[in-house]
PDB file of N, CA and C in Angstrom:
ATOM      1  N   MET A   1      96.905 110.734 128.333  1.00  0.00           N
ATOM      2  CA  MET A   1      95.552 110.104 128.615  1.00  0.00           C
ATOM      3  C   MET A   1      95.362 108.568 128.357  1.00  0.00           C
ATOM      4  N   THR A   2      94.670 108.258 129.645  1.00  0.00           N
ATOM      5  CA  THR A   2      94.125 106.692 129.174  1.00  0.00           C
ATOM      6  C   THR A   2      92.607 106.388 128.704  1.00  0.00           C
ATOM      7  N   TYR A   3      92.683 105.624 127.683  1.00  0.00           N
ATOM      8  CA  TYR A   3      91.384 105.285 127.321  1.00  0.00           C
ATOM      9  C   TYR A   3      91.021 103.875 127.705  1.00  0.00           C
ATOM     10  N   THR A   4      89.827 103.821 127.555  1.00  0.00           N
ATOM     11  CA  THR A   4      88.832 102.442 127.857  1.00  0.00           C
ATOM     12  C   THR A   4      88.942 101.858 126.528  1.00  0.00           C
ATOM     13  N   TYR A   5      89.126 100.688 126.052  1.00  0.00           N
ATOM     14  CA  TYR A   5      89.135  99.996 124.877  1.00  0.00           C
ATOM     15  C   TYR A   5      88.034  98.849 124.713  1.00  0.00           C
ATOM     16  N   ASN A   6      87.456  98.933 123.528  1.00  0.00           N
ATOM     17  CA  ASN A   6      86.920  97.827 122.771  1.00  0.00           C
ATOM     18  C   ASN A   6      87.819  97.150 121.920  1.00  0.00           C
ATOM     19  N   GLU A   7      88.253  96.359 122.346  1.00  0.00           N
ATOM     20  CA  GLU A   7      89.567  95.757 121.632  1.00  0.00           C
ATOM     21  C   GLU A   7      89.417  95.662 120.004  1.00  0.00           C
ATOM     22  N   ASN A   8      88.578  95.126 119.557  1.00  0.00           N
ATOM     23  CA  ASN A   8      88.115  94.657 118.444  1.00  0.00           C
ATOM     24  C   ASN A   8      88.042  96.132 117.278  1.00  0.00           C
ATOM     25  N   GLU A   9      86.734  96.922 118.047  1.00  0.00           N
ATOM     26  CA  GLU A   9      86.515  97.896 117.352  1.00  0.00           C
ATOM     27  C   GLU A   9      87.555  99.154 117.297  1.00  0.00           C
ATOM     28  N   ASP A  10      88.265  99.127 118.412  1.00  0.00           N
ATOM     29  CA  ASP A  10      89.208 100.168 118.638  1.00  0.00           C
ATOM     30  C   ASP A  10      90.455  99.863 117.481  1.00  0.00           C
ATOM     31  N   TRP A  11      90.971  98.739 117.503  1.00  0.00           N
ATOM     32  CA  TRP A  11      91.895  98.361 116.334  1.00  0.00           C
ATOM     33  C   TRP A  11      91.584  98.288 115.243  1.00  0.00           C
ATOM     34  N   ASP A  12      90.296  98.146 115.010  1.00  0.00           N
ATOM     35  CA  ASP A  12      89.922  98.464 113.314  1.00  0.00           C
ATOM     36  C   ASP A  12      89.736  99.859 113.081  1.00  0.00           C
ATOM     37  N   LYS A  13      89.417 100.885 114.117  1.00  0.00           N
ATOM     38  CA  LYS A  13      89.550 102.209 113.800  1.00  0.00           C
ATOM     39  C   LYS A  13      91.014 102.591 113.586  1.00  0.00           C
ATOM     40  N   ALA A  14      91.702 101.918 114.290  1.00  0.00           N
ATOM     41  CA  ALA A  14      93.303 102.286 114.104  1.00  0.00           C
ATOM     42  C   ALA A  14      93.861 101.817 112.556  1.00  0.00           C
ATOM     43  N   ARG A  15      93.611 100.755 112.386  1.00  0.00           N
ATOM     44  CA  ARG A  15      93.820 100.064 111.252  1.00  0.00           C
ATOM     45  C   ARG A  15      93.148 101.240 109.959  1.00  0.00           C
ATOM     46  N   PHE A  16      92.087 101.183 110.258  1.00  0.00           N
ATOM     47  CA  PHE A  16      91.131 102.227 108.982  1.00  0.00           C
ATOM     48  C   PHE A  16      92.418 103.312 109.043  1.00  0.00           C
ATOM     49  N   PHE A  17      92.688 103.810 110.016  1.00  0.00           N
ATOM     50  CA  PHE A  17      93.443 105.467 110.224  1.00  0.00           C
ATOM     51  C   PHE A  17      94.505 105.256 108.984  1.00  0.00           C
ATOM     52  N   PHE A  18      95.317 104.012 109.258  1.00  0.00           N
ATOM     53  CA  PHE A  18      96.435 103.971 108.282  1.00  0.00           C
ATOM     54  C   PHE A  18      96.171 103.399 107.227  1.00  0.00           C
ATOM     55  N   GLU A  19      95.016 102.561 107.101  1.00  0.00           N
ATOM     56  CA  GLU A  19      94.566 102.218 105.529  1.00  0.00           C
ATOM     57  C   GLU A  19      93.994 103.237 104.831  1.00  0.00           C
ATOM     58  N   SER A  20      93.340 104.410 105.189  1.00  0.00           N
ATOM     59  CA  SER A  20      92.592 105.404 104.662  1.00  0.00           C
ATOM     60  C   SER A  20      93.592 106.552 104.071  1.00  0.00           C
ATOM     61  N   LYS A  21      94.885 106.374 104.569  1.00  0.00           N
ATOM     62  CA  LYS A  21      96.212 107.529 104.090  1.00  0.00           C
ATOM     63  C   LYS A  21      97.188 106.403 103.367  1.00  0.00           C
ATOM     64  N   PHE A  22      97.226 105.081 103.435  1.00  0.00           N
ATOM     65  CA  PHE A  22      98.207 104.515 102.939  1.00  0.00           C
ATOM     66  C   PHE A  22      97.986 103.473 101.973  1.00  0.00           C
ATOM     67  N   GLY A  23      96.685 103.034 101.923  1.00  0.00           N
ATOM     68  CA  GLY A  23      96.102 101.896 101.141  1.00  0.00           C
ATOM     69  C   GLY A  23      95.850 100.419 102.266  1.00  0.00           C
ATOM     70  N   LYS A  24      94.980  99.601 101.671  1.00  0.00           N
ATOM     71  CA  LYS A  24      94.474  98.468 102.356  1.00  0.00           C
ATOM     72  C   LYS A  24      96.025  97.843 102.439  1.00  0.00           C
ATOM     73  N   GLY A  25      95.738  96.999 103.876  1.00  0.00           N
ATOM     74  CA  GLY A  25      96.326  95.661 103.700  1.00  0.00           C
ATOM     75  C   GLY A  25      97.587  96.018 104.834  1.00  0.00           C
ATOM     76  N   ILE A  26      97.619  97.302 105.301  1.00  0.00           N
ATOM     77  CA  ILE A  26      99.025  97.850 106.251  1.00  0.00           C
ATOM     78  C   ILE A  26      99.432  96.885 107.693  1.00  0.00           C
ATOM     79  N   ASP A  27     100.211  96.064 107.597  1.00  0.00           N
ATOM     80  CA  ASP A  27     100.396  95.202 108.869  1.00  0.00           C
ATOM     81  C   ASP A  27     100.873  95.991 110.280  1.00  0.00           C
ATOM     82  N   LEU A  28     101.097  95.490 111.118  1.00  0.00           N
ATOM     83  CA  LEU A  28     101.634  95.813 112.223  1.00  0.00           C
ATOM     84  C   LEU A  28     103.023  96.645 112.141  1.00  0.00           C
ATOM     85  N   GLU A  29     103.692  96.067 111.189  1.00  0.00           N
ATOM     86  CA  GLU A  29     105.127  96.279 111.515  1.00  0.00           C
ATOM     87  C   GLU A  29     105.079  97.664 110.192  1.00  0.00           C
ATOM     88  N   GLY A  30     104.194  97.718 109.197  1.00  0.00           N
ATOM     89  CA  GLY A  30     104.070  98.677 108.808  1.00  0.00           C
ATOM     90  C   GLY A  30     103.598 100.035 109.052  1.00  0.00           C
ATOM     91  N   MET A  31     102.542  99.818 110.088  1.00  0.00           N
ATOM     92  CA  MET A  31     102.323 100.885 111.160  1.00  0.00           C
ATOM     93  C   MET A  31     103.533 101.342 111.988  1.00  0.00           C
ATOM     94  N   LEU A  32     104.286 100.678 112.383  1.00  0.00           N
ATOM     95  CA  LEU A  32     105.126 101.013 113.314  1.00  0.00           C
ATOM     96  C   LEU A  32     106.397 101.743 112.270  1.00  0.00           C
ATOM     97  N   PHE A  33     106.522 101.260 111.265  1.00  0.00           N
ATOM     98  CA  PHE A  33     107.603 101.907 110.103  1.00  0.00           C
ATOM     99  C   PHE A  33     106.952 103.198 109.921  1.00  0.00           C
ATOM    100  N   LEU A  34     105.759 103.531 109.621  1.00  0.00           N
ATOM    101  CA  LEU A  34     105.231 104.892 109.461  1.00  0.00           C
ATOM    102  C   LEU A  34     105.416 105.946 110.735  1.00  0.00           C
ATOM    103  N   ILE A  35     105.177 104.960 111.665  1.00  0.00           N
ATOM    104  CA  ILE A  35     104.845 105.844 113.367  1.00  0.00           C
ATOM    105  C   ILE A  35     106.497 106.482 113.200  1.00  0.00           C
ATOM    106  N   GLY A  36     107.345 105.595 113.000  1.00  0.00           N
ATOM    107  CA  GLY A  36     108.861 106.175 113.394  1.00  0.00           C
ATOM    108  C   GLY A  36     108.886 106.688 112.214  1.00  0.00           C
ATOM    109  N   VAL A  37     108.876 106.911 110.897  1.00  0.00           N
ATOM    110  CA  VAL A  37     108.974 108.117 109.781  1.00  0.00           C
ATOM    111  C   VAL A  37     108.590 109.504 110.404  1.00  0.00           C
ATOM    112  N   ARG A  38     107.057 109.230 110.751  1.00  0.00           N
ATOM    113  CA  ARG A  38     106.573 110.415 111.577  1.00  0.00           C
ATOM    114  C   ARG A  38     107.231 111.048 112.724  1.00  0.00           C
ATOM    115  N   GLU A  39     107.586 110.197 113.692  1.00  0.00           N
ATOM    116  CA  GLU A  39     108.332 110.919 114.673  1.00  0.00           C
ATOM    117  C   GLU A  39     109.784 111.258 114.479  1.00  0.00           C
ATOM    118  N   MET A  40     110.532 110.881 113.477  1.00  0.00           N
ATOM    119  CA  MET A  40     111.687 111.568 112.790  1.00  0.00           C
ATOM    120  C   MET A  40     111.527 112.795 112.229  1.00  0.00           C
ATOM    121  N   GLY A  41     110.532 112.961 111.415  1.00  0.00           N
ATOM    122  CA  GLY A  41     110.129 114.043 110.952  1.00  0.00           C
ATOM    123  C   GLY A  41     110.847 113.777 109.298  1.00  0.00           C
ATOM    124  N   LEU A  42     110.738 112.610 108.852  1.00  0.00           N
ATOM    125  CA  LEU A  42     111.619 112.436 107.662  1.00  0.00           C
ATOM    126  C   LEU A  42     110.798 112.250 106.318  1.00  0.00           C
ATOM    127  N   GLY A  43     109.371 112.061 106.492  1.00  0.00           N
ATOM    128  CA  GLY A  43     108.372 112.111 105.266  1.00  0.00           C
ATOM    129  C   GLY A  43     108.944 110.677 104.404  1.00  0.00           C
ATOM    130  N   LEU A  44     108.010 110.238 103.530  1.00  0.00           N
ATOM    131  CA  LEU A  44     108.218 109.089 102.898  1.00  0.00           C
ATOM    132  C   LEU A  44     109.319 109.261 101.986  1.00  0.00           C
ATOM    133  N   GLN A  45     110.230 108.355 101.885  1.00  0.00           N
ATOM    134  CA  GLN A  45     111.508 108.475 101.081  1.00  0.00           C
ATOM    135  C   GLN A  45     111.911 106.852 100.866  1.00  0.00           C
ATOM    136  N   SER A  46     112.611 106.795 100.321  1.00  0.00           N
ATOM    137  CA  SER A  46     113.889 105.326 100.145  1.00  0.00           C
ATOM    138  C   SER A  46     114.386 105.185 101.546  1.00  0.00           C
ATOM    139  N   PHE A  47     114.370 104.380 102.249  1.00  0.00           N
ATOM    140  CA  PHE A  47     115.349 104.118 103.506  1.00  0.00           C
ATOM    141  C   PHE A  47     115.991 102.565 103.188  1.00  0.00           C
ATOM    142  N   SER A  48     116.909 102.259 103.630  1.00  0.00           N
ATOM    143  CA  SER A  48     117.944 101.135 103.797  1.00  0.00           C
ATOM    144  C   SER A  48     117.049  99.768 104.540  1.00  0.00           C
ATOM    145  N   LYS A  49     117.201  99.135 104.485  1.00  0.00           N
ATOM    146  CA  LYS A  49     116.769  97.804 105.378  1.00  0.00           C
ATOM    147  C   LYS A  49     117.174  98.100 106.846  1.00  0.00           C
ATOM    148  N   GLN A  50     118.414  98.584 107.085  1.00  0.00           N
ATOM    149  CA  GLN A  50     118.914  99.060 108.660  1.00  0.00           C
ATOM    150  C   GLN A  50     118.180 100.323 108.933  1.00  0.00           C
ATOM    151  N   GLU A  51     117.758 101.063 108.134  1.00  0.00           N
ATOM    152  CA  GLU A  51     117.218 102.458 108.394  1.00  0.00           C
ATOM    153  C   GLU A  51     115.698 102.075 108.789  1.00  0.00           C
ATOM    154  N   LYS A  52     115.241 101.281 107.710  1.00  0.00           N
ATOM    155  CA  LYS A  52     113.951 100.689 108.350  1.00  0.00           C
ATOM    156  C   LYS A  52     113.394 100.022 109.401  1.00  0.00           C
ATOM    157  N   MET A  53     114.718  99.235 109.769  1.00  0.00           N
ATOM    158  CA  MET A  53     114.699  98.814 111.659  1.00  0.00           C
ATOM    159  C   MET A  53     114.680  99.612 112.272  1.00  0.00           C
ATOM    160  N   GLU A  54     115.386 100.703 112.427  1.00  0.00           N
ATOM    161  CA  GLU A  54     116.126 101.643 113.202  1.00  0.00           C
ATOM    162  C   GLU A  54     114.705 102.508 113.275  1.00  0.00           C
ATOM    163  N   LEU A  55     113.776 102.710 112.340  1.00  0.00           N
ATOM    164  CA  LEU A  55     112.506 103.383 112.321  1.00  0.00           C
ATOM    165  C   LEU A  55     111.437 102.599 113.101  1.00  0.00           C
ATOM    166  N   ILE A  56     111.287 101.454 112.898  1.00  0.00           N
ATOM    167  CA  ILE A  56     110.467 100.569 113.651  1.00  0.00           C
ATOM    168  C   ILE A  56     110.910 100.577 114.920  1.00  0.00           C
ATOM    169  N   HIS A  57     111.986 100.536 115.487  1.00  0.00           N
ATOM    170  CA  HIS A  57     112.588 100.537 116.820  1.00  0.00           C
ATOM    171  C   HIS A  57     111.926 101.731 117.715  1.00  0.00           C
ATOM    172  N   ILE A  58     112.224 103.082 116.742  1.00  0.00           N
ATOM    173  CA  ILE A  58     112.252 104.438 117.171  1.00  0.00           C
ATOM    174  C   ILE A  58     110.626 104.368 117.362  1.00  0.00           C
ATOM    175  N   ALA A  59     110.064 103.819 116.563  1.00  0.00           N
ATOM    176  CA  ALA A  59     108.671 104.054 117.175  1.00  0.00           C
ATOM    177  C   ALA A  59     108.011 103.095 118.312  1.00  0.00           C
ATOM    178  N   LEU A  60     108.688 101.967 118.102  1.00  0.00           N
ATOM    179  CA  LEU A  60     108.288 100.834 119.556  1.00  0.00           C
ATOM    180  C   LEU A  60     108.581 101.927 120.824  1.00  0.00           C
ATOM    181  N   CYS A  61     109.636 102.528 120.850  1.00  0.00           N
ATOM    182  CA  CYS A  61     110.458 103.066 122.030  1.00  0.00           C
ATOM    183  C   CYS A  61     109.509 104.133 122.227  1.00  0.00           C
ATOM    184  N   SER A  62     109.460 105.263 121.199  1.00  0.00           N
ATOM    185  CA  SER A  62     108.434 106.353 121.599  1.00  0.00           C
ATOM    186  C   SER A  62     106.958 106.143 121.787  1.00  0.00           C
ATOM    187  N   LEU A  63     106.473 104.864 121.133  1.00  0.00           N
ATOM    188  CA  LEU A  63     105.002 104.269 121.697  1.00  0.00           C
ATOM    189  C   LEU A  63     104.864 103.992 123.283  1.00  0.00           C
ATOM    190  N   LEU A  64     106.279 103.096 123.520  1.00  0.00           N
ATOM    191  CA  LEU A  64     106.101 102.861 125.050  1.00  0.00           C
ATOM    192  C   LEU A  64     106.681 103.590 126.040  1.00  0.00           C
ATOM    193  N   GLU A  65     107.344 104.626 125.529  1.00  0.00           N
ATOM    194  CA  GLU A  65     107.700 105.341 126.603  1.00  0.00           C
ATOM    195  C   GLU A  65     106.909 106.054 127.383  1.00  0.00           C
ATOM    196  N   PRO A  66     105.541 106.443 127.160  1.00  0.00           N
ATOM    197  CA  PRO A  66     104.864 106.792 128.198  1.00  0.00           C
ATOM    198  C   PRO A  66     104.543 105.946 129.208  1.00  0.00           C
ATOM    199  N   LYS A  67     104.725 104.458 128.994  1.00  0.00           N
ATOM    200  CA  LYS A  67     104.035 103.526 129.651  1.00  0.00           C
ATOM    201  C   LYS A  67     105.262 103.318 130.679  1.00  0.00           C
ATOM    202  N   GLY A  68     106.561 103.580 130.289  1.00  0.00           N
ATOM    203  CA  GLY A  68     107.392 103.377 131.488  1.00  0.00           C
ATOM    204  C   GLY A  68     108.435 102.248 131.048  1.00  0.00           C
ATOM    205  N   PHE A  69     108.350 101.735 129.656  1.00  0.00           N
ATOM    206  CA  PHE A  69     109.427 100.763 128.810  1.00  0.00           C
ATOM    207  C   PHE A  69     110.119 101.129 128.730  1.00  0.00           C
ATOM    208  N   TYR A  70     110.627 102.337 128.093  1.00  0.00           N
ATOM    209  CA  TYR A  70     111.730 103.031 127.601  1.00  0.00           C
ATOM    210  C   TYR A  70     111.755 104.333 127.961  1.00  0.00           C
ATOM    211  N   GLU A  71     112.733 104.909 128.015  1.00  0.00           N
ATOM    212  CA  GLU A  71     113.385 106.670 128.287  1.00  0.00           C
ATOM    213  C   GLU A  71     114.243 106.872 127.471  1.00  0.00           C
ATOM    214  N   LEU A  72     114.087 108.197 126.934  1.00  0.00           N
ATOM    215  CA  LEU A  72     114.853 108.841 125.789  1.00  0.00           C
ATOM    216  C   LEU A  72     116.258 109.065 126.762  1.00  0.00           C
ATOM    217  N   GLU A  73     117.148 108.636 126.365  1.00  0.00           N
ATOM    218  CA  GLU A  73     118.445 108.933 126.323  1.00  0.00           C
ATOM    219  C   GLU A  73     119.314 109.868 126.063  1.00  0.00           C
ATOM    220  N   LYS A  74     119.233 110.046 124.374  1.00  0.00           N
ATOM    221  CA  LYS A  74     119.826 111.218 123.967  1.00  0.00           C
ATOM    222  C   LYS A  74     119.487 111.071 122.478  1.00  0.00           C
ATOM    223  N   TYR A  75     119.810 112.242 121.626  1.00  0.00           N
ATOM    224  CA  TYR A  75     120.101 112.154 120.206  1.00  0.00           C
ATOM    225  C   TYR A  75     121.304 111.905 119.777  1.00  0.00           C
ATOM    226  N   ASP A  76     121.734 111.240 118.805  1.00  0.00           N
ATOM    227  CA  ASP A  76     123.164 111.239 118.073  1.00  0.00           C
ATOM    228  C   ASP A  76     123.454 112.252 117.315  1.00  0.00           C
ATOM    229  N   SER A  77     124.566 112.505 116.886  1.00  0.00           N
ATOM    230  CA  SER A  77     125.032 113.950 116.105  1.00  0.00           C
ATOM    231  C   SER A  77     124.073 113.638 114.450  1.00  0.00           C
ATOM    232  N   ASP A  78     123.711 112.843 114.347  1.00  0.00           N
ATOM    233  CA  ASP A  78     122.532 112.823 112.877  1.00  0.00           C
ATOM    234  C   ASP A  78     121.066 113.053 113.516  1.00  0.00           C
ATOM    235  N   GLY A  79     120.668 113.417 114.546  1.00  0.00           N
ATOM    236  CA  GLY A  79     119.375 113.490 115.392  1.00  0.00           C
ATOM    237  C   GLY A  79     118.351 112.381 115.245  1.00  0.00           C
ATOM    238  N   TRP A  80     119.105 111.254 115.418  1.00  0.00           N
ATOM    239  CA  TRP A  80     118.498 109.828 115.890  1.00  0.00           C
ATOM    240  C   TRP A  80     118.013 109.888 117.157  1.00  0.00           C
ATOM    241  N   PRO A  81     116.996 109.489 117.710  1.00  0.00           N
ATOM    242  CA  PRO A  81     117.133 109.335 119.158  1.00  0.00           C
ATOM    243  C   PRO A  81     117.648 107.684 119.659  1.00  0.00           C
ATOM    244  N   HIS A  82     117.873 108.016 120.817  1.00  0.00           N
ATOM    245  CA  HIS A  82     118.445 106.714 121.445  1.00  0.00           C
ATOM    246  C   HIS A  82     117.862 106.203 122.759  1.00  0.00           C
ATOM    247  N   TYR A  83     117.218 105.394 122.716  1.00  0.00           N
ATOM    248  CA  TYR A  83     116.431 104.740 124.219  1.00  0.00           C
ATOM    249  C   TYR A  83     116.867 103.679 125.077  1.00  0.00           C
ATOM    250  N   LYS A  84     116.837 103.957 126.463  1.00  0.00           N
ATOM    251  CA  LYS A  84     117.269 102.824 127.239  1.00  0.00           C
ATOM    252  C   LYS A  84     115.872 102.424 127.770  1.00  0.00           C
ATOM    253  N   LYS A  85     116.241 101.207 128.339  1.00  0.00           N
ATOM    254  CA  LYS A  85     115.173 100.482 129.196  1.00  0.00           C
ATOM    255  C   LYS A  85     114.504 101.514 130.165  1.00  0.00           C
ATOM    256  N   GLY A  86     113.239 101.310 130.480  1.00  0.00           N
ATOM    257  CA  GLY A  86     112.636 102.052 131.424  1.00  0.00           C
ATOM    258  C   GLY A  86     112.388 101.538 132.564  1.00  0.00           C
ATOM    259  N   PRO A  87     111.855 101.907 134.156  1.00  0.00           N
ATOM    260  CA  PRO A  87     111.449 101.502 135.008  1.00  0.00           C
ATOM    261  C   PRO A  87     110.512 100.109 134.978  1.00  0.00           C
ATOM    262  N   ALA A  88     109.571 100.494 133.831  1.00  0.00           N
ATOM    263  CA  ALA A  88     108.423  99.619 133.617  1.00  0.00           C
ATOM    264  C   ALA A  88     108.922  98.149 132.566  1.00  0.00           C
ATOM    265  N   PHE A  89     109.994  98.564 132.205  1.00  0.00           N
ATOM    266  CA  PHE A  89     110.519  97.245 131.212  1.00  0.00           C
ATOM    267  C   PHE A  89     110.620  95.803 131.441  1.00  0.00           C
ATOM    268  N   ARG A  90     110.016  94.958 131.089  1.00  0.00           N
ATOM    269  CA  ARG A  90     109.970  93.545 131.629  1.00  0.00           C
ATOM    270  C   ARG A  90     109.960  92.456 130.542  1.00  0.00           C
ATOM    271  N   VAL A  91     109.973  91.375 130.241  1.00  0.00           N
ATOM    272  CA  VAL A  91     110.002  90.648 129.583  1.00  0.00           C
ATOM    273  C   VAL A  91     108.197  89.929 129.453  1.00  0.00           C
ATOM    274  N   LEU A  92     107.633  90.409 128.034  1.00  0.00           N
ATOM    275  CA  LEU A  92     106.218  89.912 128.126  1.00  0.00           C
ATOM    276  C   LEU A  92     106.284  88.882 127.107  1.00  0.00           C
ATOM    277  N   SER A  93     104.719  87.926 127.234  1.00  0.00           N
ATOM    278  CA  SER A  93     104.943  87.152 126.110  1.00  0.00           C
ATOM    279  C   SER A  93     104.762  87.895 124.852  1.00  0.00           C
ATOM    280  N   LYS A  94     104.578  86.604 123.752  1.00  0.00           N
ATOM    281  CA  LYS A  94     104.211  87.384 122.425  1.00  0.00           C
ATOM    282  C   LYS A  94     102.977  87.883 122.675  1.00  0.00           C
ATOM    283  N   LYS A  95     101.856  87.158 123.067  1.00  0.00           N
ATOM    284  CA  LYS A  95     100.337  87.827 123.024  1.00  0.00           C
ATOM    285  C   LYS A  95     100.626  89.242 123.775  1.00  0.00           C
ATOM    286  N   ASP A  96     101.107  89.238 124.768  1.00  0.00           N
ATOM    287  CA  ASP A  96     101.340  90.703 125.629  1.00  0.00           C
ATOM    288  C   ASP A  96     101.826  91.672 125.095  1.00  0.00           C
ATOM    289  N   GLN A  97     102.778  91.437 124.400  1.00  0.00           N
ATOM    290  CA  GLN A  97     103.605  92.142 123.626  1.00  0.00           C
ATOM    291  C   GLN A  97     102.702  92.875 122.311  1.00  0.00           C
ATOM    292  N   GLN A  98     102.004  92.110 121.684  1.00  0.00           N
ATOM    293  CA  GLN A  98     101.004  92.655 120.801  1.00  0.00           C
ATOM    294  C   GLN A  98      99.989  93.112 121.093  1.00  0.00           C
ATOM    295  N   GLU A  99      99.494  92.843 122.368  1.00  0.00           N
ATOM    296  CA  GLU A  99      98.486  93.790 122.871  1.00  0.00           C
ATOM    297  C   GLU A  99      98.953  95.006 123.595  1.00  0.00           C
ATOM    298  N   LEU A 100     100.240  94.907 123.904  1.00  0.00           N
ATOM    299  CA  LEU A 100     100.541  96.330 124.255  1.00  0.00           C
ATOM    300  C   LEU A 100     100.865  97.198 123.340  1.00  0.00           C
ATOM    301  N   ILE A 101     101.586  96.603 122.280  1.00  0.00           N
ATOM    302  CA  ILE A 101     101.811  97.582 121.186  1.00  0.00           C
ATOM    303  C   ILE A 101     100.701  97.848 120.330  1.00  0.00           C
ATOM    304  N   LYS A 102      99.520  97.065 119.967  1.00  0.00           N
ATOM    305  CA  LYS A 102      98.212  97.488 119.666  1.00  0.00           C
ATOM    306  C   LYS A 102      97.351  98.472 120.422  1.00  0.00           C
ATOM    307  N   ASN A 103      97.478  98.533 121.654  1.00  0.00           N
ATOM    308  CA  ASN A 103      96.877  99.791 122.565  1.00  0.00           C
ATOM    309  C   ASN A 103      97.580 100.734 122.082  1.00  0.00           C
ATOM    310  N   ALA A 104      99.014 100.697 122.028  1.00  0.00           N
ATOM    311  CA  ALA A 104      99.924 102.016 122.034  1.00  0.00           C
ATOM    312  C   ALA A 104      99.598 102.817 120.783  1.00  0.00           C
ATOM    313  N   ILE A 105      99.042 102.003 119.792  1.00  0.00           N
ATOM    314  CA  ILE A 105      99.081 102.329 118.262  1.00  0.00           C
ATOM    315  C   ILE A 105      97.803 102.922 118.352  1.00  0.00           C
ATOM    316  N   ILE A 106      96.541 102.516 119.109  1.00  0.00           N
ATOM    317  CA  ILE A 106      95.609 102.763 119.268  1.00  0.00           C
ATOM    318  C   ILE A 106      95.517 104.302 119.820  1.00  0.00           C
ATOM    319  N   ASN A 107      96.048 104.364 120.680  1.00  0.00           N
ATOM    320  CA  ASN A 107      96.275 105.876 121.548  1.00  0.00           C
ATOM    321  C   ASN A 107      96.833 106.753 120.695  1.00  0.00           C
ATOM    322  N   TYR A 108      97.843 106.324 119.941  1.00  0.00           N
ATOM    323  CA  TYR A 108      98.635 107.286 118.909  1.00  0.00           C
ATOM    324  C   TYR A 108      97.692 107.786 117.886  1.00  0.00           C
ATOM    325  N   THR A 109      97.050 106.496 117.180  1.00  0.00           N
ATOM    326  CA  THR A 109      95.968 107.177 116.341  1.00  0.00           C
ATOM    327  C   THR A 109      94.854 108.171 116.786  1.00  0.00           C
ATOM    328  N   ARG A 110      94.700 107.974 118.145  1.00  0.00           N
ATOM    329  CA  ARG A 110      93.872 109.026 118.733  1.00  0.00           C
ATOM    330  C   ARG A 110      94.244 110.366 119.077  1.00  0.00           C
ATOM    331  N   GLU A 111      95.887 110.508 119.226  1.00  0.00           N
ATOM    332  CA  GLU A 111      96.267 111.642 119.514  1.00  0.00           C
ATOM    333  C   GLU A 111      96.835 112.314 118.299  1.00  0.00           C
ATOM    334  N   VAL A 112      97.230 112.102 117.114  1.00  0.00           N
ATOM    335  CA  VAL A 112      97.900 112.378 115.959  1.00  0.00           C
ATOM    336  C   VAL A 112      97.393 112.180 114.821  1.00  0.00           C
ATOM    337  N   SER A 113      98.054 112.954 113.838  1.00  0.00           N
ATOM    338  CA  SER A 113      97.313 113.035 112.702  1.00  0.00           C
ATOM    339  C   SER A 113      98.870 112.536 111.527  1.00  0.00           C
ATOM    340  N   LEU A 114      98.641 111.644 110.866  1.00  0.00           N
ATOM    341  CA  LEU A 114      99.756 111.583 110.152  1.00  0.00           C
ATOM    342  C   LEU A 114      99.769 112.280 108.660  1.00  0.00           C
TER     343      LEU A 114
END
């Protein structure tokens, strides 16, 4: 589903979605980590630094998959998904990356409940 955005208002709502469940001050990386945890169905627990980075990567891939930036390739023997670049993948400026990720998080918070 495609939404129209009021960028500041919608981003504030998305941030509130996370802050109301996990506390004030959560940043973009924290949101991505929590999305990755949810996507993997792991629940909150202790993760190594490497696992945290992988969970953030999974969140990014799953958020950007509907936009064609990534495609799910396979699941490994531990149940972790592996993605490959999709047909829409391209290098974006830092500003465009942030906007794309924020819009994907806004959509995510509209469609799921953590």
